[in-house]
Amino acid sequence: ITCPGVVLKDKQELYLSVFVLGKYKKTECVPAVFPLFFQERLLFEKAFANIVDPGDLVKLLEFDTAVLELIQLVPPVGKVLATYEENTRDFLFPDPKLTHGRRGLEREILMKRSPFFT
């Protein structure tokens, strides 16, 4: 995660919280210095019972929301510094971009900063 020119005043570690397909996972904590590097893979699995038509699955994914939050471990419960929300279909299967790279492994998203992230 990059945030050019920003230095965090709180030095507590950060993690990325991810909610996809009704499942919540979080990354390991990293030091509070940009750029942040999360060197791990999060696996989300879900079985969709009674879905036989791929179009029906697409509709379900469009009504589901994927949420990512950048959280700093500031006591007592942590501060959400930035969030990203998108329907799960578009998050999992983004439109093709004109840039080169290994599809699915390199993604750019723009997170919305929270009021706590000055």
PDB file of N, CA and C in Angstrom:
ATOM      1  N   ILE A   1       0.866  -1.171   0.000  1.00  0.00           N
ATOM      2  CA  ILE A   1       0.000   0.000   0.000  1.00  0.00           C
ATOM      3  C   ILE A   1       0.903   1.222   0.000  1.00  0.00           C
ATOM      4  N   THR A   2       0.633   2.120  -0.903  1.00  0.00           N
ATOM      5  CA  THR A   2       1.425   3.340  -0.974  1.00  0.00           C
ATOM      6  C   THR A   2       0.573   4.537  -0.575  1.00  0.00           C
ATOM      7  N   CYS A   3       1.252   5.547  -0.077  1.00  0.00           N
ATOM      8  CA  CYS A   3       0.617   6.812   0.281  1.00  0.00           C
ATOM      9  C   CYS A   3       1.737   7.858   0.234  1.00  0.00           C
ATOM     10  N   PRO A   4       2.095   8.285  -0.984  1.00  0.00           N
ATOM     11  CA  PRO A   4       3.259   9.164  -1.162  1.00  0.00           C
ATOM     12  C   PRO A   4       3.220  10.420  -0.295  1.00  0.00           C
ATOM     13  N   GLY A   5       4.348  10.684   0.364  1.00  0.00           N
ATOM     14  CA  GLY A   5       4.505  11.888   1.159  1.00  0.00           C
ATOM     15  C   GLY A   5       3.872  11.848   2.538  1.00  0.00           C
ATOM     16  N   VAL A   6       3.311  10.717   2.937  1.00  0.00           N
ATOM     17  CA  VAL A   6       2.629  10.633   4.225  1.00  0.00           C
ATOM     18  C   VAL A   6       3.500   9.899   5.239  1.00  0.00           C
ATOM     19  N   VAL A   7       3.593  10.481   6.418  1.00  0.00           N
ATOM     20  CA  VAL A   7       4.268   9.848   7.545  1.00  0.00           C
ATOM     21  C   VAL A   7       3.218   9.712   8.643  1.00  0.00           C
ATOM     22  N   LEU A   8       3.055   8.518   9.169  1.00  0.00           N
ATOM     23  CA  LEU A   8       2.058   8.288  10.212  1.00  0.00           C
ATOM     24  C   LEU A   8       2.567   8.790  11.546  1.00  0.00           C
ATOM     25  N   LYS A   9       1.741   9.593  12.247  1.00  0.00           N
ATOM     26  CA  LYS A   9       2.174  10.116  13.545  1.00  0.00           C
ATOM     27  C   LYS A   9       2.142   9.033  14.613  1.00  0.00           C
ATOM     28  N   ASP A  10       1.156   8.110  14.537  1.00  0.00           N
ATOM     29  CA  ASP A  10       1.129   6.975  15.454  1.00  0.00           C
ATOM     30  C   ASP A  10       2.041   5.890  14.890  1.00  0.00           C
ATOM     31  N   LYS A  11       2.825   5.276  15.724  1.00  0.00           N
ATOM     32  CA  LYS A  11       3.808   4.292  15.254  1.00  0.00           C
ATOM     33  C   LYS A  11       3.368   2.843  15.447  1.00  0.00           C
ATOM     34  N   GLN A  12       2.118   2.630  15.917  1.00  0.00           N
ATOM     35  CA  GLN A  12       1.631   1.266  16.087  1.00  0.00           C
ATOM     36  C   GLN A  12       1.469   0.599  14.714  1.00  0.00           C
ATOM     37  N   GLU A  13       1.573  -0.722  14.713  1.00  0.00           N
ATOM     38  CA  GLU A  13       1.515  -1.493  13.473  1.00  0.00           C
ATOM     39  C   GLU A  13       0.140  -1.414  12.818  1.00  0.00           C
ATOM     40  N   LEU A  14       0.106  -1.834  11.547  1.00  0.00           N
ATOM     41  CA  LEU A  14      -1.120  -1.822  10.764  1.00  0.00           C
ATOM     42  C   LEU A  14      -1.387  -3.205  10.193  1.00  0.00           C
ATOM     43  N   TYR A  15      -2.658  -3.444   9.845  1.00  0.00           N
ATOM     44  CA  TYR A  15      -3.030  -4.671   9.141  1.00  0.00           C
ATOM     45  C   TYR A  15      -4.161  -4.357   8.179  1.00  0.00           C
ATOM     46  N   LEU A  16      -4.387  -5.262   7.265  1.00  0.00           N
ATOM     47  CA  LEU A  16      -5.456  -5.129   6.301  1.00  0.00           C
ATOM     48  C   LEU A  16      -6.556  -6.109   6.670  1.00  0.00           C
ATOM     49  N   SER A  17      -7.760  -5.595   6.867  1.00  0.00           N
ATOM     50  CA  SER A  17      -8.941  -6.394   7.173  1.00  0.00           C
ATOM     51  C   SER A  17      -9.698  -6.602   5.867  1.00  0.00           C
ATOM     52  N   VAL A  18     -10.084  -7.855   5.574  1.00  0.00           N
ATOM     53  CA  VAL A  18     -10.754  -8.166   4.305  1.00  0.00           C
ATOM     54  C   VAL A  18     -12.022  -8.954   4.591  1.00  0.00           C
ATOM     55  N   PHE A  19     -13.146  -8.479   4.042  1.00  0.00           N
ATOM     56  CA  PHE A  19     -14.434  -9.166   4.177  1.00  0.00           C
ATOM     57  C   PHE A  19     -14.952  -9.453   2.775  1.00  0.00           C
ATOM     58  N   VAL A  20     -14.968 -10.739   2.398  1.00  0.00           N
ATOM     59  CA  VAL A  20     -15.402 -11.164   1.069  1.00  0.00           C
ATOM     60  C   VAL A  20     -16.208 -12.452   1.216  1.00  0.00           C
ATOM     61  N   LEU A  21     -17.301 -12.544   0.477  1.00  0.00           N
ATOM     62  CA  LEU A  21     -18.138 -13.751   0.449  1.00  0.00           C
ATOM     63  C   LEU A  21     -18.621 -14.157   1.845  1.00  0.00           C
ATOM     64  N   GLY A  22     -18.877 -13.162   2.679  1.00  0.00           N
ATOM     65  CA  GLY A  22     -19.368 -13.437   4.021  1.00  0.00           C
ATOM     66  C   GLY A  22     -18.309 -13.928   4.983  1.00  0.00           C
ATOM     67  N   LYS A  23     -17.054 -13.880   4.589  1.00  0.00           N
ATOM     68  CA  LYS A  23     -15.945 -14.335   5.433  1.00  0.00           C
ATOM     69  C   LYS A  23     -15.018 -13.166   5.737  1.00  0.00           C
ATOM     70  N   TYR A  24     -14.508 -13.136   6.973  1.00  0.00           N
ATOM     71  CA  TYR A  24     -13.604 -12.079   7.413  1.00  0.00           C
ATOM     72  C   TYR A  24     -12.226 -12.680   7.680  1.00  0.00           C
ATOM     73  N   LYS A  25     -11.207 -12.024   7.151  1.00  0.00           N
ATOM     74  CA  LYS A  25      -9.819 -12.411   7.442  1.00  0.00           C
ATOM     75  C   LYS A  25      -8.997 -11.146   7.572  1.00  0.00           C
ATOM     76  N   LYS A  26      -7.842 -11.290   8.215  1.00  0.00           N
ATOM     77  CA  LYS A  26      -6.944 -10.140   8.302  1.00  0.00           C
ATOM     78  C   LYS A  26      -5.515 -10.608   8.093  1.00  0.00           C
ATOM     79  N   THR A  27      -4.696  -9.665   7.658  1.00  0.00           N
ATOM     80  CA  THR A  27      -3.292  -9.954   7.406  1.00  0.00           C
ATOM     81  C   THR A  27      -2.507  -9.888   8.712  1.00  0.00           C
ATOM     82  N   GLU A  28      -1.278 -10.297   8.650  1.00  0.00           N
ATOM     83  CA  GLU A  28      -0.354 -10.077   9.758  1.00  0.00           C
ATOM     84  C   GLU A  28      -0.072  -8.576   9.844  1.00  0.00           C
ATOM     85  N   CYS A  29       0.356  -8.126  10.987  1.00  0.00           N
ATOM     86  CA  CYS A  29       0.670  -6.708  11.183  1.00  0.00           C
ATOM     87  C   CYS A  29       2.002  -6.354  10.536  1.00  0.00           C
ATOM     88  N   VAL A  30       2.090  -5.114  10.061  1.00  0.00           N
ATOM     89  CA  VAL A  30       3.322  -4.600   9.461  1.00  0.00           C
ATOM     90  C   VAL A  30       3.664  -3.266  10.124  1.00  0.00           C
ATOM     91  N   PRO A  31       4.941  -2.858  10.066  1.00  0.00           N
ATOM     92  CA  PRO A  31       5.340  -1.575  10.656  1.00  0.00           C
ATOM     93  C   PRO A  31       4.624  -0.395   9.989  1.00  0.00           C
ATOM     94  N   ALA A  32       4.467   0.680  10.735  1.00  0.00           N
ATOM     95  CA  ALA A  32       3.749   1.871  10.277  1.00  0.00           C
ATOM     96  C   ALA A  32       4.625   2.786   9.444  1.00  0.00           C
ATOM     97  N   VAL A  33       5.158   2.274   8.340  1.00  0.00           N
ATOM     98  CA  VAL A  33       6.006   3.047   7.441  1.00  0.00           C
ATOM     99  C   VAL A  33       5.589   2.731   6.006  1.00  0.00           C
ATOM    100  N   PHE A  34       5.213   3.766   5.255  1.00  0.00           N
ATOM    101  CA  PHE A  34       4.837   3.567   3.855  1.00  0.00           C
ATOM    102  C   PHE A  34       6.074   3.433   2.998  1.00  0.00           C
ATOM    103  N   PRO A  35       6.043   2.585   1.964  1.00  0.00           N
ATOM    104  CA  PRO A  35       4.944   1.716   1.554  1.00  0.00           C
ATOM    105  C   PRO A  35       4.814   0.502   2.479  1.00  0.00           C
ATOM    106  N   LEU A  36       3.572   0.025   2.615  1.00  0.00           N
ATOM    107  CA  LEU A  36       3.284  -1.160   3.434  1.00  0.00           C
ATOM    108  C   LEU A  36       3.321  -2.388   2.538  1.00  0.00           C
ATOM    109  N   PHE A  37       3.977  -3.438   2.999  1.00  0.00           N
ATOM    110  CA  PHE A  37       4.069  -4.672   2.221  1.00  0.00           C
ATOM    111  C   PHE A  37       3.427  -5.812   2.995  1.00  0.00           C
ATOM    112  N   PHE A  38       2.365  -6.371   2.422  1.00  0.00           N
ATOM    113  CA  PHE A  38       1.699  -7.537   2.997  1.00  0.00           C
ATOM    114  C   PHE A  38       2.075  -8.730   2.134  1.00  0.00           C
ATOM    115  N   GLN A  39       2.978  -9.552   2.621  1.00  0.00           N
ATOM    116  CA  GLN A  39       3.503 -10.681   1.856  1.00  0.00           C
ATOM    117  C   GLN A  39       2.786 -11.965   2.246  1.00  0.00           C
ATOM    118  N   GLU A  40       1.498 -12.016   1.999  1.00  0.00           N
ATOM    119  CA  GLU A  40       0.741 -13.217   2.331  1.00  0.00           C
ATOM    120  C   GLU A  40      -0.452 -13.342   1.407  1.00  0.00           C
ATOM    121  N   ARG A  41      -1.043 -14.511   1.433  1.00  0.00           N
ATOM    122  CA  ARG A  41      -2.190 -14.806   0.593  1.00  0.00           C
ATOM    123  C   ARG A  41      -3.364 -15.165   1.493  1.00  0.00           C
ATOM    124  N   LEU A  42      -4.503 -14.554   1.234  1.00  0.00           N
ATOM    125  CA  LEU A  42      -5.720 -14.856   1.983  1.00  0.00           C
ATOM    126  C   LEU A  42      -6.632 -15.665   1.060  1.00  0.00           C
ATOM    127  N   LEU A  43      -7.146 -16.777   1.550  1.00  0.00           N
ATOM    128  CA  LEU A  43      -7.982 -17.659   0.748  1.00  0.00           C
ATOM    129  C   LEU A  43      -9.415 -17.605   1.255  1.00  0.00           C
ATOM    130  N   PHE A  44     -10.345 -17.314   0.341  1.00  0.00           N
ATOM    131  CA  PHE A  44     -11.764 -17.261   0.665  1.00  0.00           C
ATOM    132  C   PHE A  44     -12.477 -18.303  -0.194  1.00  0.00           C
ATOM    133  N   GLU A  45     -13.241 -19.162   0.452  1.00  0.00           N
ATOM    134  CA  GLU A  45     -13.997 -20.181  -0.274  1.00  0.00           C
ATOM    135  C   GLU A  45     -15.454 -20.117   0.155  1.00  0.00           C
ATOM    136  N   LYS A  46     -16.341 -20.377  -0.808  1.00  0.00           N
ATOM    137  CA  LYS A  46     -17.759 -20.411  -0.488  1.00  0.00           C
ATOM    138  C   LYS A  46     -18.456 -21.325  -1.488  1.00  0.00           C
ATOM    139  N   ALA A  47     -19.334 -22.177  -0.985  1.00  0.00           N
ATOM    140  CA  ALA A  47     -20.151 -23.037  -1.843  1.00  0.00           C
ATOM    141  C   ALA A  47     -21.515 -22.377  -1.997  1.00  0.00           C
ATOM    142  N   PHE A  48     -21.991 -22.289  -3.215  1.00  0.00           N
ATOM    143  CA  PHE A  48     -23.290 -21.708  -3.501  1.00  0.00           C
ATOM    144  C   PHE A  48     -24.251 -22.843  -3.819  1.00  0.00           C
ATOM    145  N   ALA A  49     -25.042 -23.236  -2.838  1.00  0.00           N
ATOM    146  CA  ALA A  49     -25.993 -24.332  -3.015  1.00  0.00           C
ATOM    147  C   ALA A  49     -27.121 -23.904  -3.951  1.00  0.00           C
ATOM    148  N   ASN A  50     -27.580 -24.819  -4.739  1.00  0.00           N
ATOM    149  CA  ASN A  50     -28.733 -24.629  -5.628  1.00  0.00           C
ATOM    150  C   ASN A  50     -28.488 -23.629  -6.751  1.00  0.00           C
ATOM    151  N   ILE A  51     -27.254 -23.298  -7.045  1.00  0.00           N
ATOM    152  CA  ILE A  51     -26.943 -22.417  -8.177  1.00  0.00           C
ATOM    153  C   ILE A  51     -26.414 -23.291  -9.307  1.00  0.00           C
ATOM    154  N   VAL A  52     -27.131 -23.301 -10.434  1.00  0.00           N
ATOM    155  CA  VAL A  52     -26.680 -24.078 -11.590  1.00  0.00           C
ATOM    156  C   VAL A  52     -26.383 -23.177 -12.784  1.00  0.00           C
ATOM    157  N   ASP A  53     -27.003 -22.013 -12.821  1.00  0.00           N
ATOM    158  CA  ASP A  53     -26.803 -21.077 -13.918  1.00  0.00           C
ATOM    159  C   ASP A  53     -25.738 -20.060 -13.522  1.00  0.00           C
ATOM    160  N   PRO A  54     -24.662 -19.942 -14.306  1.00  0.00           N
ATOM    161  CA  PRO A  54     -23.623 -18.948 -13.986  1.00  0.00           C
ATOM    162  C   PRO A  54     -24.171 -17.521 -13.878  1.00  0.00           C
ATOM    163  N   GLY A  55     -25.224 -17.219 -14.626  1.00  0.00           N
ATOM    164  CA  GLY A  55     -25.835 -15.886 -14.548  1.00  0.00           C
ATOM    165  C   GLY A  55     -26.421 -15.614 -13.175  1.00  0.00           C
ATOM    166  N   ASP A  56     -26.970 -16.659 -12.540  1.00  0.00           N
ATOM    167  CA  ASP A  56     -27.502 -16.492 -11.186  1.00  0.00           C
ATOM    168  C   ASP A  56     -26.382 -16.217 -10.189  1.00  0.00           C
ATOM    169  N   LEU A  57     -25.245 -16.868 -10.392  1.00  0.00           N
ATOM    170  CA  LEU A  57     -24.088 -16.619  -9.517  1.00  0.00           C
ATOM    171  C   LEU A  57     -23.591 -15.188  -9.684  1.00  0.00           C
ATOM    172  N   VAL A  58     -23.557 -14.719 -10.914  1.00  0.00           N
ATOM    173  CA  VAL A  58     -23.138 -13.340 -11.175  1.00  0.00           C
ATOM    174  C   VAL A  58     -24.049 -12.364 -10.433  1.00  0.00           C
ATOM    175  N   LYS A  59     -25.359 -12.609 -10.470  1.00  0.00           N
ATOM    176  CA  LYS A  59     -26.301 -11.723  -9.778  1.00  0.00           C
ATOM    177  C   LYS A  59     -26.053 -11.732  -8.268  1.00  0.00           C
ATOM    178  N   LEU A  60     -25.802 -12.923  -7.709  1.00  0.00           N
ATOM    179  CA  LEU A  60     -25.505 -12.998  -6.275  1.00  0.00           C
ATOM    180  C   LEU A  60     -24.265 -12.198  -5.923  1.00  0.00           C
ATOM    181  N   LEU A  61     -23.221 -12.335  -6.736  1.00  0.00           N
ATOM    182  CA  LEU A  61     -21.968 -11.613  -6.471  1.00  0.00           C
ATOM    183  C   LEU A  61     -22.142 -10.111  -6.610  1.00  0.00           C
ATOM    184  N   GLU A  62     -23.048  -9.678  -7.494  1.00  0.00           N
ATOM    185  CA  GLU A  62     -23.285  -8.244  -7.658  1.00  0.00           C
ATOM    186  C   GLU A  62     -23.986  -7.639  -6.446  1.00  0.00           C
ATOM    187  N   PHE A  63     -24.752  -8.439  -5.717  1.00  0.00           N
ATOM    188  CA  PHE A  63     -25.451  -7.939  -4.530  1.00  0.00           C
ATOM    189  C   PHE A  63     -24.627  -8.090  -3.258  1.00  0.00           C
ATOM    190  N   ASP A  64     -23.507  -8.794  -3.328  1.00  0.00           N
ATOM    191  CA  ASP A  64     -22.609  -8.957  -2.188  1.00  0.00           C
ATOM    192  C   ASP A  64     -21.569  -7.839  -2.233  1.00  0.00           C
ATOM    193  N   THR A  65     -21.070  -7.432  -1.087  1.00  0.00           N
ATOM    194  CA  THR A  65     -20.077  -6.359  -1.033  1.00  0.00           C
ATOM    195  C   THR A  65     -18.767  -6.859  -0.451  1.00  0.00           C
ATOM    196  N   ALA A  66     -17.672  -6.546  -1.135  1.00  0.00           N
ATOM    197  CA  ALA A  66     -16.319  -6.818  -0.633  1.00  0.00           C
ATOM    198  C   ALA A  66     -15.832  -5.550   0.062  1.00  0.00           C
ATOM    199  N   VAL A  67     -15.267  -5.707   1.256  1.00  0.00           N
ATOM    200  CA  VAL A  67     -14.804  -4.556   2.039  1.00  0.00           C
ATOM    201  C   VAL A  67     -13.364  -4.806   2.484  1.00  0.00           C
ATOM    202  N   LEU A  68     -12.490  -3.837   2.223  1.00  0.00           N
ATOM    203  CA  LEU A  68     -11.120  -3.863   2.712  1.00  0.00           C
ATOM    204  C   LEU A  68     -10.925  -2.646   3.605  1.00  0.00           C
ATOM    205  N   GLU A  69     -10.253  -2.842   4.729  1.00  0.00           N
ATOM    206  CA  GLU A  69      -9.973  -1.730   5.638  1.00  0.00           C
ATOM    207  C   GLU A  69      -8.507  -1.780   6.061  1.00  0.00           C
ATOM    208  N   LEU A  70      -7.864  -0.642   6.042  1.00  0.00           N
ATOM    209  CA  LEU A  70      -6.515  -0.502   6.566  1.00  0.00           C
ATOM    210  C   LEU A  70      -6.658  -0.019   7.998  1.00  0.00           C
ATOM    211  N   ILE A  71      -6.203  -0.833   8.949  1.00  0.00           N
ATOM    212  CA  ILE A  71      -6.426  -0.548  10.369  1.00  0.00           C
ATOM    213  C   ILE A  71      -5.098  -0.439  11.102  1.00  0.00           C
ATOM    214  N   GLN A  72      -4.982   0.602  11.926  1.00  0.00           N
ATOM    215  CA  GLN A  72      -3.797   0.778  12.762  1.00  0.00           C
ATOM    216  C   GLN A  72      -4.156   0.414  14.198  1.00  0.00           C
ATOM    217  N   LEU A  73      -3.283  -0.298  14.866  1.00  0.00           N
ATOM    218  CA  LEU A  73      -3.536  -0.804  16.216  1.00  0.00           C
ATOM    219  C   LEU A  73      -3.362   0.267  17.284  1.00  0.00           C
ATOM    220  N   VAL A  74      -4.117   1.330  17.165  1.00  0.00           N
ATOM    221  CA  VAL A  74      -4.082   2.408  18.157  1.00  0.00           C
ATOM    222  C   VAL A  74      -5.100   2.057  19.241  1.00  0.00           C
ATOM    223  N   PRO A  75      -4.664   1.957  20.513  1.00  0.00           N
ATOM    224  CA  PRO A  75      -5.593   1.582  21.588  1.00  0.00           C
ATOM    225  C   PRO A  75      -6.753   2.574  21.702  1.00  0.00           C
ATOM    226  N   PRO A  76      -7.911   2.155  22.122  1.00  0.00           N
ATOM    227  CA  PRO A  76      -8.222   0.856  22.701  1.00  0.00           C
ATOM    228  C   PRO A  76      -8.648  -0.196  21.671  1.00  0.00           C
ATOM    229  N   VAL A  77      -9.181   0.205  20.492  1.00  0.00           N
ATOM    230  CA  VAL A  77      -9.686  -0.803  19.558  1.00  0.00           C
ATOM    231  C   VAL A  77      -9.092  -0.712  18.164  1.00  0.00           C
ATOM    232  N   GLY A  78      -8.279   0.244  17.900  1.00  0.00           N
ATOM    233  CA  GLY A  78      -7.703   0.409  16.568  1.00  0.00           C
ATOM    234  C   GLY A  78      -8.435   1.481  15.772  1.00  0.00           C
ATOM    235  N   LYS A  79      -7.720   2.055  14.804  1.00  0.00           N
ATOM    236  CA  LYS A  79      -8.270   3.113  13.955  1.00  0.00           C
ATOM    237  C   LYS A  79      -8.341   2.629  12.519  1.00  0.00           C
ATOM    238  N   VAL A  80      -9.490   2.817  11.886  1.00  0.00           N
ATOM    239  CA  VAL A  80      -9.608   2.541  10.453  1.00  0.00           C
ATOM    240  C   VAL A  80      -9.058   3.764   9.724  1.00  0.00           C
ATOM    241  N   LEU A  81      -7.965   3.566   8.977  1.00  0.00           N
ATOM    242  CA  LEU A  81      -7.348   4.684   8.260  1.00  0.00           C
ATOM    243  C   LEU A  81      -7.926   4.860   6.865  1.00  0.00           C
ATOM    244  N   ALA A  82      -8.283   3.748   6.215  1.00  0.00           N
ATOM    245  CA  ALA A  82      -8.808   3.832   4.852  1.00  0.00           C
ATOM    246  C   ALA A  82      -9.677   2.613   4.572  1.00  0.00           C
ATOM    247  N   THR A  83     -10.651   2.790   3.670  1.00  0.00           N
ATOM    248  CA  THR A  83     -11.555   1.694   3.316  1.00  0.00           C
ATOM    249  C   THR A  83     -11.720   1.614   1.806  1.00  0.00           C
ATOM    250  N   TYR A  84     -12.140   0.446   1.379  1.00  0.00           N
ATOM    251  CA  TYR A  84     -12.467   0.203  -0.029  1.00  0.00           C
ATOM    252  C   TYR A  84     -13.671  -0.719  -0.049  1.00  0.00           C
ATOM    253  N   GLU A  85     -14.710  -0.338  -0.776  1.00  0.00           N
ATOM    254  CA  GLU A  85     -15.911  -1.160  -0.913  1.00  0.00           C
ATOM    255  C   GLU A  85     -16.284  -1.256  -2.377  1.00  0.00           C
ATOM    256  N   GLU A  86     -16.663  -2.471  -2.788  1.00  0.00           N
ATOM    257  CA  GLU A  86     -17.089  -2.684  -4.164  1.00  0.00           C
ATOM    258  C   GLU A  86     -17.923  -3.953  -4.185  1.00  0.00           C
ATOM    259  N   ASN A  87     -18.816  -4.080  -5.169  1.00  0.00           N
ATOM    260  CA  ASN A  87     -19.561  -5.326  -5.231  1.00  0.00           C
ATOM    261  C   ASN A  87     -18.577  -6.457  -5.516  1.00  0.00           C
ATOM    262  N   THR A  88     -18.870  -7.611  -4.976  1.00  0.00           N
ATOM    263  CA  THR A  88     -17.925  -8.731  -5.011  1.00  0.00           C
ATOM    264  C   THR A  88     -17.611  -9.176  -6.430  1.00  0.00           C
ATOM    265  N   ARG A  89     -18.585  -9.097  -7.323  1.00  0.00           N
ATOM    266  CA  ARG A  89     -18.315  -9.499  -8.713  1.00  0.00           C
ATOM    267  C   ARG A  89     -17.216  -8.642  -9.323  1.00  0.00           C
ATOM    268  N   ASP A  90     -17.337  -7.321  -9.218  1.00  0.00           N
ATOM    269  CA  ASP A  90     -16.337  -6.429  -9.801  1.00  0.00           C
ATOM    270  C   ASP A  90     -15.003  -6.526  -9.078  1.00  0.00           C
ATOM    271  N   PHE A  91     -15.037  -6.810  -7.771  1.00  0.00           N
ATOM    272  CA  PHE A  91     -13.789  -6.964  -7.022  1.00  0.00           C
ATOM    273  C   PHE A  91     -13.036  -8.226  -7.467  1.00  0.00           C
ATOM    274  N   LEU A  92     -13.756  -9.331  -7.597  1.00  0.00           N
ATOM    275  CA  LEU A  92     -13.107 -10.594  -7.973  1.00  0.00           C
ATOM    276  C   LEU A  92     -12.754 -10.660  -9.457  1.00  0.00           C
ATOM    277  N   PHE A  93     -13.563 -10.023 -10.283  1.00  0.00           N
ATOM    278  CA  PHE A  93     -13.366 -10.086 -11.731  1.00  0.00           C
ATOM    279  C   PHE A  93     -13.359  -8.674 -12.306  1.00  0.00           C
ATOM    280  N   PRO A  94     -12.270  -7.924 -12.075  1.00  0.00           N
ATOM    281  CA  PRO A  94     -12.219  -6.529 -12.545  1.00  0.00           C
ATOM    282  C   PRO A  94     -12.185  -6.465 -14.067  1.00  0.00           C
ATOM    283  N   ASP A  95     -12.635  -5.331 -14.586  1.00  0.00           N
ATOM    284  CA  ASP A  95     -12.561  -5.120 -16.028  1.00  0.00           C
ATOM    285  C   ASP A  95     -11.110  -5.167 -16.470  1.00  0.00           C
ATOM    286  N   PRO A  96     -10.863  -5.647 -17.689  1.00  0.00           N
ATOM    287  CA  PRO A  96      -9.468  -5.665 -18.192  1.00  0.00           C
ATOM    288  C   PRO A  96      -8.910  -4.246 -18.258  1.00  0.00           C
ATOM    289  N   LYS A  97      -7.652  -4.125 -17.924  1.00  0.00           N
ATOM    290  CA  LYS A  97      -6.965  -2.841 -17.986  1.00  0.00           C
ATOM    291  C   LYS A  97      -5.999  -2.866 -19.166  1.00  0.00           C
ATOM    292  N   LEU A  98      -5.546  -1.708 -19.563  1.00  0.00           N
ATOM    293  CA  LEU A  98      -4.610  -1.622 -20.673  1.00  0.00           C
ATOM    294  C   LEU A  98      -3.163  -1.783 -20.235  1.00  0.00           C
ATOM    295  N   THR A  99      -2.941  -2.130 -18.984  1.00  0.00           N
ATOM    296  CA  THR A  99      -1.584  -2.320 -18.496  1.00  0.00           C
ATOM    297  C   THR A  99      -1.217  -3.794 -18.580  1.00  0.00           C
ATOM    298  N   HIS A 100       0.060  -4.057 -18.658  1.00  0.00           N
ATOM    299  CA  HIS A 100       0.535  -5.434 -18.706  1.00  0.00           C
ATOM    300  C   HIS A 100       0.802  -5.924 -17.302  1.00  0.00           C
ATOM    301  N   GLY A 101       0.845  -7.197 -17.137  1.00  0.00           N
ATOM    302  CA  GLY A 101       1.101  -7.792 -15.832  1.00  0.00           C
ATOM    303  C   GLY A 101       0.363  -9.103 -15.732  1.00  0.00           C
ATOM    304  N   ARG A 102       0.685  -9.851 -14.724  1.00  0.00           N
ATOM    305  CA  ARG A 102       0.035 -11.141 -14.534  1.00  0.00           C
ATOM    306  C   ARG A 102      -1.352 -10.908 -13.973  1.00  0.00           C
ATOM    307  N   ARG A 103      -2.349 -11.270 -14.734  1.00  0.00           N
ATOM    308  CA  ARG A 103      -3.739 -11.009 -14.359  1.00  0.00           C
ATOM    309  C   ARG A 103      -4.049 -11.611 -12.996  1.00  0.00           C
ATOM    310  N   GLY A 104      -4.671 -10.806 -12.129  1.00  0.00           N
ATOM    311  CA  GLY A 104      -5.094 -11.280 -10.829  1.00  0.00           C
ATOM    312  C   GLY A 104      -4.049 -11.135  -9.742  1.00  0.00           C
ATOM    313  N   LEU A 105      -2.777 -11.057 -10.100  1.00  0.00           N
ATOM    314  CA  LEU A 105      -1.732 -10.969  -9.088  1.00  0.00           C
ATOM    315  C   LEU A 105      -1.378  -9.525  -8.755  1.00  0.00           C
ATOM    316  N   GLU A 106      -1.561  -8.649  -9.704  1.00  0.00           N
ATOM    317  CA  GLU A 106      -1.238  -7.247  -9.479  1.00  0.00           C
ATOM    318  C   GLU A 106      -2.496  -6.432  -9.695  1.00  0.00           C
ATOM    319  N   ARG A 107      -2.935  -5.744  -8.653  1.00  0.00           N
ATOM    320  CA  ARG A 107      -4.155  -4.946  -8.730  1.00  0.00           C
ATOM    321  C   ARG A 107      -3.899  -3.585  -8.136  1.00  0.00           C
ATOM    322  N   GLU A 108      -4.512  -2.588  -8.707  1.00  0.00           N
ATOM    323  CA  GLU A 108      -4.484  -1.259  -8.129  1.00  0.00           C
ATOM    324  C   GLU A 108      -5.903  -0.877  -7.772  1.00  0.00           C
ATOM    325  N   ILE A 109      -6.100  -0.497  -6.521  1.00  0.00           N
ATOM    326  CA  ILE A 109      -7.390   0.022  -6.083  1.00  0.00           C
ATOM    327  C   ILE A 109      -7.124   1.302  -5.302  1.00  0.00           C
ATOM    328  N   LEU A 110      -8.105   2.161  -5.271  1.00  0.00           N
ATOM    329  CA  LEU A 110      -7.974   3.415  -4.541  1.00  0.00           C
ATOM    330  C   LEU A 110      -8.853   3.330  -3.306  1.00  0.00           C
ATOM    331  N   MET A 111      -8.218   3.386  -2.146  1.00  0.00           N
ATOM    332  CA  MET A 111      -8.960   3.330  -0.894  1.00  0.00           C
ATOM    333  C   MET A 111      -9.375   4.748  -0.510  1.00  0.00           C
ATOM    334  N   LYS A 112     -10.512   4.847   0.167  1.00  0.00           N
ATOM    335  CA  LYS A 112     -11.006   6.145   0.633  1.00  0.00           C
ATOM    336  C   LYS A 112     -10.511   6.367   2.057  1.00  0.00           C
ATOM    337  N   ARG A 113      -9.865   7.479   2.294  1.00  0.00           N
ATOM    338  CA  ARG A 113      -9.312   7.734   3.632  1.00  0.00           C
ATOM    339  C   ARG A 113     -10.434   8.042   4.605  1.00  0.00           C
ATOM    340  N   SER A 114     -10.211   7.668   5.843  1.00  0.00           N
ATOM    341  CA  SER A 114     -11.190   7.957   6.887  1.00  0.00           C
ATOM    342  C   SER A 114     -10.848   9.305   7.528  1.00  0.00           C
ATOM    343  N   PRO A 115     -11.761   9.872   8.319  1.00  0.00           N
ATOM    344  CA  PRO A 115     -11.475  11.140   9.005  1.00  0.00           C
ATOM    345  C   PRO A 115     -10.300  11.044   9.975  1.00  0.00           C
ATOM    346  N   PHE A 116      -9.973   9.805  10.430  1.00  0.00           N
ATOM    347  CA  PHE A 116      -8.860   9.617  11.364  1.00  0.00           C
ATOM    348  C   PHE A 116      -7.500   9.691  10.669  1.00  0.00           C
ATOM    349  N   PHE A 117      -7.491   9.604   9.355  1.00  0.00           N
ATOM    350  CA  PHE A 117      -6.243   9.561   8.598  1.00  0.00           C
ATOM    351  C   PHE A 117      -6.010  10.942   8.009  1.00  0.00           C
ATOM    352  N   THR A 118      -5.290  11.769   8.758  1.00  0.00           N
ATOM    353  CA  THR A 118      -5.100  13.163   8.320  1.00  0.00           C
ATOM    354  C   THR A 118      -3.851  13.324   7.499  1.00  0.00           C
TER     355      THR A 118
END
